Amino acid sequence: MTIAKCPLCGEKVKVGIKPWIGQEVDCPACDATLEVVSLRPLSLDWPYDDEGYYETGYDEELELEEDEF
């Protein structure tokens, strides 16, 4: 069994014996839906939606300071 770290909570996530890029897995601790983005090293991140943005599962909007543009 291959294991990776959840980028949200840091918990270990079981990915399977032969993970592949784009494989979706769920974190058992925080229920985040994650995607395999790298095999060596094995790395998880939030999946992209059709427009190329991460789907974090959160509905909060990010506010940027005027000097951050």
PDB file of N, CA and C in Angstrom:
ATOM      1  N   MET A   1       0.850  -1.179   0.000  1.00  0.00           N
ATOM      2  CA  MET A   1       0.000   0.000   0.000  1.00  0.00           C
ATOM      3  C   MET A   1       0.895   1.242   0.000  1.00  0.00           C
ATOM      4  N   THR A   2       0.607   2.184  -0.875  1.00  0.00           N
ATOM      5  CA  THR A   2       1.355   3.425  -0.962  1.00  0.00           C
ATOM      6  C   THR A   2       0.634   4.497  -0.143  1.00  0.00           C
ATOM      7  N   ILE A   3       1.419   5.306   0.560  1.00  0.00           N
ATOM      8  CA  ILE A   3       0.846   6.319   1.449  1.00  0.00           C
ATOM      9  C   ILE A   3       1.426   7.688   1.101  1.00  0.00           C
ATOM     10  N   ALA A   4       0.572   8.708   1.124  1.00  0.00           N
ATOM     11  CA  ALA A   4       0.990  10.094   0.903  1.00  0.00           C
ATOM     12  C   ALA A   4       0.431  10.957   2.032  1.00  0.00           C
ATOM     13  N   LYS A   5       0.885  12.192   2.096  1.00  0.00           N
ATOM     14  CA  LYS A   5       0.473  13.116   3.154  1.00  0.00           C
ATOM     15  C   LYS A   5      -0.600  14.074   2.634  1.00  0.00           C
ATOM     16  N   CYS A   6      -1.653  14.274   3.413  1.00  0.00           N
ATOM     17  CA  CYS A   6      -2.717  15.224   3.062  1.00  0.00           C
ATOM     18  C   CYS A   6      -2.173  16.644   3.178  1.00  0.00           C
ATOM     19  N   PRO A   7      -2.317  17.473   2.116  1.00  0.00           N
ATOM     20  CA  PRO A   7      -1.810  18.844   2.189  1.00  0.00           C
ATOM     21  C   PRO A   7      -2.629  19.742   3.116  1.00  0.00           C
ATOM     22  N   LEU A   8      -3.830  19.317   3.488  1.00  0.00           N
ATOM     23  CA  LEU A   8      -4.682  20.137   4.348  1.00  0.00           C
ATOM     24  C   LEU A   8      -4.416  19.887   5.825  1.00  0.00           C
ATOM     25  N   CYS A   9      -4.436  18.602   6.219  1.00  0.00           N
ATOM     26  CA  CYS A   9      -4.317  18.298   7.648  1.00  0.00           C
ATOM     27  C   CYS A   9      -3.034  17.550   8.016  1.00  0.00           C
ATOM     28  N   GLY A  10      -2.289  17.062   7.014  1.00  0.00           N
ATOM     29  CA  GLY A  10      -1.039  16.361   7.292  1.00  0.00           C
ATOM     30  C   GLY A  10      -1.199  14.885   7.605  1.00  0.00           C
ATOM     31  N   GLU A  11      -2.413  14.383   7.591  1.00  0.00           N
ATOM     32  CA  GLU A  11      -2.679  12.971   7.884  1.00  0.00           C
ATOM     33  C   GLU A  11      -2.178  12.085   6.746  1.00  0.00           C
ATOM     34  N   LYS A  12      -1.845  10.841   7.060  1.00  0.00           N
ATOM     35  CA  LYS A  12      -1.430   9.870   6.050  1.00  0.00           C
ATOM     36  C   LYS A  12      -2.660   9.379   5.286  1.00  0.00           C
ATOM     37  N   VAL A  13      -2.543   9.334   3.949  1.00  0.00           N
ATOM     38  CA  VAL A  13      -3.643   8.919   3.080  1.00  0.00           C
ATOM     39  C   VAL A  13      -3.184   7.701   2.281  1.00  0.00           C
ATOM     40  N   LYS A  14      -3.941   6.616   2.353  1.00  0.00           N
ATOM     41  CA  LYS A  14      -3.632   5.423   1.575  1.00  0.00           C
ATOM     42  C   LYS A  14      -4.055   5.665   0.131  1.00  0.00           C
ATOM     43  N   VAL A  15      -3.107   5.465  -0.794  1.00  0.00           N
ATOM     44  CA  VAL A  15      -3.359   5.755  -2.198  1.00  0.00           C
ATOM     45  C   VAL A  15      -3.566   4.483  -3.008  1.00  0.00           C
ATOM     46  N   GLY A  16      -3.020   3.366  -2.578  1.00  0.00           N
ATOM     47  CA  GLY A  16      -3.160   2.112  -3.307  1.00  0.00           C
ATOM     48  C   GLY A  16      -1.792   1.574  -3.686  1.00  0.00           C
ATOM     49  N   ILE A  17      -1.778   0.420  -4.331  1.00  0.00           N
ATOM     50  CA  ILE A  17      -0.516  -0.226  -4.690  1.00  0.00           C
ATOM     51  C   ILE A  17       0.140   0.457  -5.884  1.00  0.00           C
ATOM     52  N   LYS A  18      -0.651   0.799  -6.905  1.00  0.00           N
ATOM     53  CA  LYS A  18      -0.106   1.441  -8.105  1.00  0.00           C
ATOM     54  C   LYS A  18      -0.832   2.767  -8.359  1.00  0.00           C
ATOM     55  N   PRO A  19      -0.421   3.829  -7.689  1.00  0.00           N
ATOM     56  CA  PRO A  19      -1.082   5.120  -7.902  1.00  0.00           C
ATOM     57  C   PRO A  19      -0.787   5.657  -9.295  1.00  0.00           C
ATOM     58  N   TRP A  20      -1.674   6.532  -9.806  1.00  0.00           N
ATOM     59  CA  TRP A  20      -1.478   7.160 -11.106  1.00  0.00           C
ATOM     60  C   TRP A  20      -1.808   8.643 -11.000  1.00  0.00           C
ATOM     61  N   ILE A  21      -1.214   9.415 -11.880  1.00  0.00           N
ATOM     62  CA  ILE A  21      -1.467  10.849 -11.920  1.00  0.00           C
ATOM     63  C   ILE A  21      -2.951  11.067 -12.215  1.00  0.00           C
ATOM     64  N   GLY A  22      -3.600  11.881 -11.428  1.00  0.00           N
ATOM     65  CA  GLY A  22      -5.020  12.167 -11.606  1.00  0.00           C
ATOM     66  C   GLY A  22      -5.932  11.295 -10.756  1.00  0.00           C
ATOM     67  N   GLN A  23      -5.379  10.301 -10.085  1.00  0.00           N
ATOM     68  CA  GLN A  23      -6.182   9.436  -9.206  1.00  0.00           C
ATOM     69  C   GLN A  23      -6.727  10.268  -8.053  1.00  0.00           C
ATOM     70  N   GLU A  24      -8.011  10.149  -7.790  1.00  0.00           N
ATOM     71  CA  GLU A  24      -8.612  10.872  -6.677  1.00  0.00           C
ATOM     72  C   GLU A  24      -8.739   9.961  -5.466  1.00  0.00           C
ATOM     73  N   VAL A  25      -8.409  10.503  -4.304  1.00  0.00           N
ATOM     74  CA  VAL A  25      -8.497   9.784  -3.034  1.00  0.00           C
ATOM     75  C   VAL A  25      -9.101  10.724  -2.002  1.00  0.00           C
ATOM     76  N   ASP A  26      -9.627  10.161  -0.932  1.00  0.00           N
ATOM     77  CA  ASP A  26     -10.202  10.954   0.154  1.00  0.00           C
ATOM     78  C   ASP A  26      -9.355  10.799   1.404  1.00  0.00           C
ATOM     79  N   CYS A  27      -9.120  11.906   2.089  1.00  0.00           N
ATOM     80  CA  CYS A  27      -8.385  11.878   3.346  1.00  0.00           C
ATOM     81  C   CYS A  27      -9.312  11.333   4.424  1.00  0.00           C
ATOM     82  N   PRO A  28      -8.873  10.330   5.183  1.00  0.00           N
ATOM     83  CA  PRO A  28      -9.721   9.761   6.221  1.00  0.00           C
ATOM     84  C   PRO A  28      -9.925  10.690   7.423  1.00  0.00           C
ATOM     85  N   ALA A  29      -9.034  11.654   7.605  1.00  0.00           N
ATOM     86  CA  ALA A  29      -9.120  12.536   8.770  1.00  0.00           C
ATOM     87  C   ALA A  29      -9.996  13.766   8.517  1.00  0.00           C
ATOM     88  N   CYS A  30      -9.818  14.417   7.356  1.00  0.00           N
ATOM     89  CA  CYS A  30     -10.536  15.680   7.124  1.00  0.00           C
ATOM     90  C   CYS A  30     -11.533  15.588   5.963  1.00  0.00           C
ATOM     91  N   ASP A  31     -11.655  14.429   5.348  1.00  0.00           N
ATOM     92  CA  ASP A  31     -12.587  14.175   4.237  1.00  0.00           C
ATOM     93  C   ASP A  31     -12.307  15.014   2.991  1.00  0.00           C
ATOM     94  N   ALA A  32     -11.108  15.567   2.853  1.00  0.00           N
ATOM     95  CA  ALA A  32     -10.756  16.314   1.652  1.00  0.00           C
ATOM     96  C   ALA A  32     -10.625  15.355   0.480  1.00  0.00           C
ATOM     97  N   THR A  33     -11.157  15.753  -0.672  1.00  0.00           N
ATOM     98  CA  THR A  33     -10.954  14.995  -1.892  1.00  0.00           C
ATOM     99  C   THR A  33      -9.669  15.508  -2.519  1.00  0.00           C
ATOM    100  N   LEU A  34      -8.729  14.605  -2.746  1.00  0.00           N
ATOM    101  CA  LEU A  34      -7.403  14.968  -3.222  1.00  0.00           C
ATOM    102  C   LEU A  34      -7.081  14.230  -4.511  1.00  0.00           C
ATOM    103  N   GLU A  35      -6.064  14.707  -5.207  1.00  0.00           N
ATOM    104  CA  GLU A  35      -5.650  14.107  -6.470  1.00  0.00           C
ATOM    105  C   GLU A  35      -4.147  13.851  -6.440  1.00  0.00           C
ATOM    106  N   VAL A  36      -3.720  12.733  -6.991  1.00  0.00           N
ATOM    107  CA  VAL A  36      -2.297  12.442  -7.115  1.00  0.00           C
ATOM    108  C   VAL A  36      -1.735  13.369  -8.191  1.00  0.00           C
ATOM    109  N   VAL A  37      -0.764  14.208  -7.817  1.00  0.00           N
ATOM    110  CA  VAL A  37      -0.174  15.159  -8.758  1.00  0.00           C
ATOM    111  C   VAL A  37       1.274  14.831  -9.098  1.00  0.00           C
ATOM    112  N   SER A  38       1.888  13.921  -8.334  1.00  0.00           N
ATOM    113  CA  SER A  38       3.263  13.517  -8.581  1.00  0.00           C
ATOM    114  C   SER A  38       3.449  12.100  -8.061  1.00  0.00           C
ATOM    115  N   LEU A  39       4.233  11.305  -8.794  1.00  0.00           N
ATOM    116  CA  LEU A  39       4.486   9.933  -8.357  1.00  0.00           C
ATOM    117  C   LEU A  39       5.813   9.788  -7.634  1.00  0.00           C
ATOM    118  N   ARG A  40       6.800  10.587  -7.996  1.00  0.00           N
ATOM    119  CA  ARG A  40       8.115  10.517  -7.373  1.00  0.00           C
ATOM    120  C   ARG A  40       8.608  11.915  -7.075  1.00  0.00           C
ATOM    121  N   PRO A  41       8.470  12.394  -5.895  1.00  0.00           N
ATOM    122  CA  PRO A  41       7.840  11.758  -4.736  1.00  0.00           C
ATOM    123  C   PRO A  41       6.319  11.785  -4.868  1.00  0.00           C
ATOM    124  N   LEU A  42       5.685  10.839  -4.212  1.00  0.00           N
ATOM    125  CA  LEU A  42       4.228  10.761  -4.227  1.00  0.00           C
ATOM    126  C   LEU A  42       3.666  11.998  -3.534  1.00  0.00           C
ATOM    127  N   SER A  43       2.824  12.725  -4.241  1.00  0.00           N
ATOM    128  CA  SER A  43       2.313  13.989  -3.718  1.00  0.00           C
ATOM    129  C   SER A  43       0.843  14.152  -4.065  1.00  0.00           C
ATOM    130  N   LEU A  44       0.076  14.689  -3.112  1.00  0.00           N
ATOM    131  CA  LEU A  44      -1.352  14.942  -3.299  1.00  0.00           C
ATOM    132  C   LEU A  44      -1.616  16.436  -3.264  1.00  0.00           C
ATOM    133  N   ASP A  45      -2.664  16.852  -3.980  1.00  0.00           N
ATOM    134  CA  ASP A  45      -3.110  18.240  -3.960  1.00  0.00           C
ATOM    135  C   ASP A  45      -4.599  18.228  -4.265  1.00  0.00           C
ATOM    136  N   TRP A  46      -5.237  19.404  -4.202  1.00  0.00           N
ATOM    137  CA  TRP A  46      -6.655  19.481  -4.513  1.00  0.00           C
ATOM    138  C   TRP A  46      -6.834  19.314  -6.014  1.00  0.00           C
ATOM    139  N   PRO A  47      -7.895  18.626  -6.449  1.00  0.00           N
ATOM    140  CA  PRO A  47      -8.105  18.415  -7.889  1.00  0.00           C
ATOM    141  C   PRO A  47      -8.488  19.713  -8.601  1.00  0.00           C
ATOM    142  N   TYR A  48      -8.112  19.785  -9.867  1.00  0.00           N
ATOM    143  CA  TYR A  48      -8.514  20.908 -10.723  1.00  0.00           C
ATOM    144  C   TYR A  48      -9.919  20.669 -11.232  1.00  0.00           C
ATOM    145  N   ASP A  49     -10.666  21.756 -11.430  1.00  0.00           N
ATOM    146  CA  ASP A  49     -11.960  21.634 -12.091  1.00  0.00           C
ATOM    147  C   ASP A  49     -11.729  21.854 -13.594  1.00  0.00           C
ATOM    148  N   ASP A  50     -12.787  21.926 -14.379  1.00  0.00           N
ATOM    149  CA  ASP A  50     -12.674  22.054 -15.824  1.00  0.00           C
ATOM    150  C   ASP A  50     -12.004  23.347 -16.266  1.00  0.00           C
ATOM    151  N   GLU A  51     -12.021  24.365 -15.423  1.00  0.00           N
ATOM    152  CA  GLU A  51     -11.430  25.649 -15.774  1.00  0.00           C
ATOM    153  C   GLU A  51     -10.001  25.779 -15.274  1.00  0.00           C
ATOM    154  N   GLY A  52      -9.454  24.736 -14.660  1.00  0.00           N
ATOM    155  CA  GLY A  52      -8.076  24.756 -14.205  1.00  0.00           C
ATOM    156  C   GLY A  52      -7.876  25.291 -12.813  1.00  0.00           C
ATOM    157  N   TYR A  53      -8.950  25.500 -12.065  1.00  0.00           N
ATOM    158  CA  TYR A  53      -8.836  25.980 -10.694  1.00  0.00           C
ATOM    159  C   TYR A  53      -8.962  24.812  -9.725  1.00  0.00           C
ATOM    160  N   TYR A  54      -8.333  24.941  -8.583  1.00  0.00           N
ATOM    161  CA  TYR A  54      -8.447  23.916  -7.561  1.00  0.00           C
ATOM    162  C   TYR A  54      -9.855  23.894  -6.988  1.00  0.00           C
ATOM    163  N   GLU A  55     -10.358  22.705  -6.747  1.00  0.00           N
ATOM    164  CA  GLU A  55     -11.627  22.546  -6.037  1.00  0.00           C
ATOM    165  C   GLU A  55     -11.287  22.213  -4.593  1.00  0.00           C
ATOM    166  N   THR A  56     -11.367  23.202  -3.727  1.00  0.00           N
ATOM    167  CA  THR A  56     -10.981  22.982  -2.338  1.00  0.00           C
ATOM    168  C   THR A  56     -12.137  22.501  -1.479  1.00  0.00           C
ATOM    169  N   GLY A  57     -13.357  22.694  -1.959  1.00  0.00           N
ATOM    170  CA  GLY A  57     -14.500  22.326  -1.154  1.00  0.00           C
ATOM    171  C   GLY A  57     -14.915  23.439  -0.208  1.00  0.00           C
ATOM    172  N   TYR A  58     -14.210  24.555  -0.261  1.00  0.00           N
ATOM    173  CA  TYR A  58     -14.534  25.681   0.592  1.00  0.00           C
ATOM    174  C   TYR A  58     -15.186  26.766  -0.250  1.00  0.00           C
ATOM    175  N   ASP A  59     -16.167  27.440   0.295  1.00  0.00           N
ATOM    176  CA  ASP A  59     -16.890  28.479  -0.429  1.00  0.00           C
ATOM    177  C   ASP A  59     -16.427  29.882  -0.064  1.00  0.00           C
ATOM    178  N   GLU A  60     -15.330  29.987   0.643  1.00  0.00           N
ATOM    179  CA  GLU A  60     -14.878  31.306   1.056  1.00  0.00           C
ATOM    180  C   GLU A  60     -14.127  31.991  -0.085  1.00  0.00           C
ATOM    181  N   GLU A  61     -14.286  33.305  -0.173  1.00  0.00           N
ATOM    182  CA  GLU A  61     -13.602  34.077  -1.190  1.00  0.00           C
ATOM    183  C   GLU A  61     -12.330  34.654  -0.599  1.00  0.00           C
ATOM    184  N   LEU A  62     -11.297  34.701  -1.420  1.00  0.00           N
ATOM    185  CA  LEU A  62     -10.040  35.280  -0.974  1.00  0.00           C
ATOM    186  C   LEU A  62     -10.054  36.769  -1.266  1.00  0.00           C
ATOM    187  N   GLU A  63      -9.694  37.554  -0.285  1.00  0.00           N
ATOM    188  CA  GLU A  63      -9.625  38.994  -0.464  1.00  0.00           C
ATOM    189  C   GLU A  63      -8.166  39.392  -0.590  1.00  0.00           C
ATOM    190  N   LEU A  64      -7.845  40.094  -1.658  1.00  0.00           N
ATOM    191  CA  LEU A  64      -6.477  40.538  -1.883  1.00  0.00           C
ATOM    192  C   LEU A  64      -6.338  41.996  -1.483  1.00  0.00           C
ATOM    193  N   GLU A  65      -5.231  42.298  -0.874  1.00  0.00           N
ATOM    194  CA  GLU A  65      -4.922  43.681  -0.564  1.00  0.00           C
ATOM    195  C   GLU A  65      -4.620  44.389  -1.877  1.00  0.00           C
ATOM    196  N   GLU A  66      -4.835  45.672  -1.920  1.00  0.00           N
ATOM    197  CA  GLU A  66      -4.618  46.433  -3.148  1.00  0.00           C
ATOM    198  C   GLU A  66      -3.179  46.318  -3.633  1.00  0.00           C
ATOM    199  N   ASP A  67      -2.203  46.207  -2.709  1.00  0.00           N
ATOM    200  CA  ASP A  67      -0.811  46.119  -3.109  1.00  0.00           C
ATOM    201  C   ASP A  67      -0.381  44.714  -3.519  1.00  0.00           C
ATOM    202  N   GLU A  68      -1.295  43.740  -3.510  1.00  0.00           N
ATOM    203  CA  GLU A  68      -0.960  42.375  -3.896  1.00  0.00           C
ATOM    204  C   GLU A  68      -1.170  42.114  -5.383  1.00  0.00           C
ATOM    205  N   PHE A  69      -1.642  43.097  -6.133  1.00  0.00           N
ATOM    206  CA  PHE A  69      -1.898  42.902  -7.562  1.00  0.00           C
ATOM    207  C   PHE A  69      -0.654  43.001  -8.361  1.00  0.00           C
TER     208      PHE A  69
END
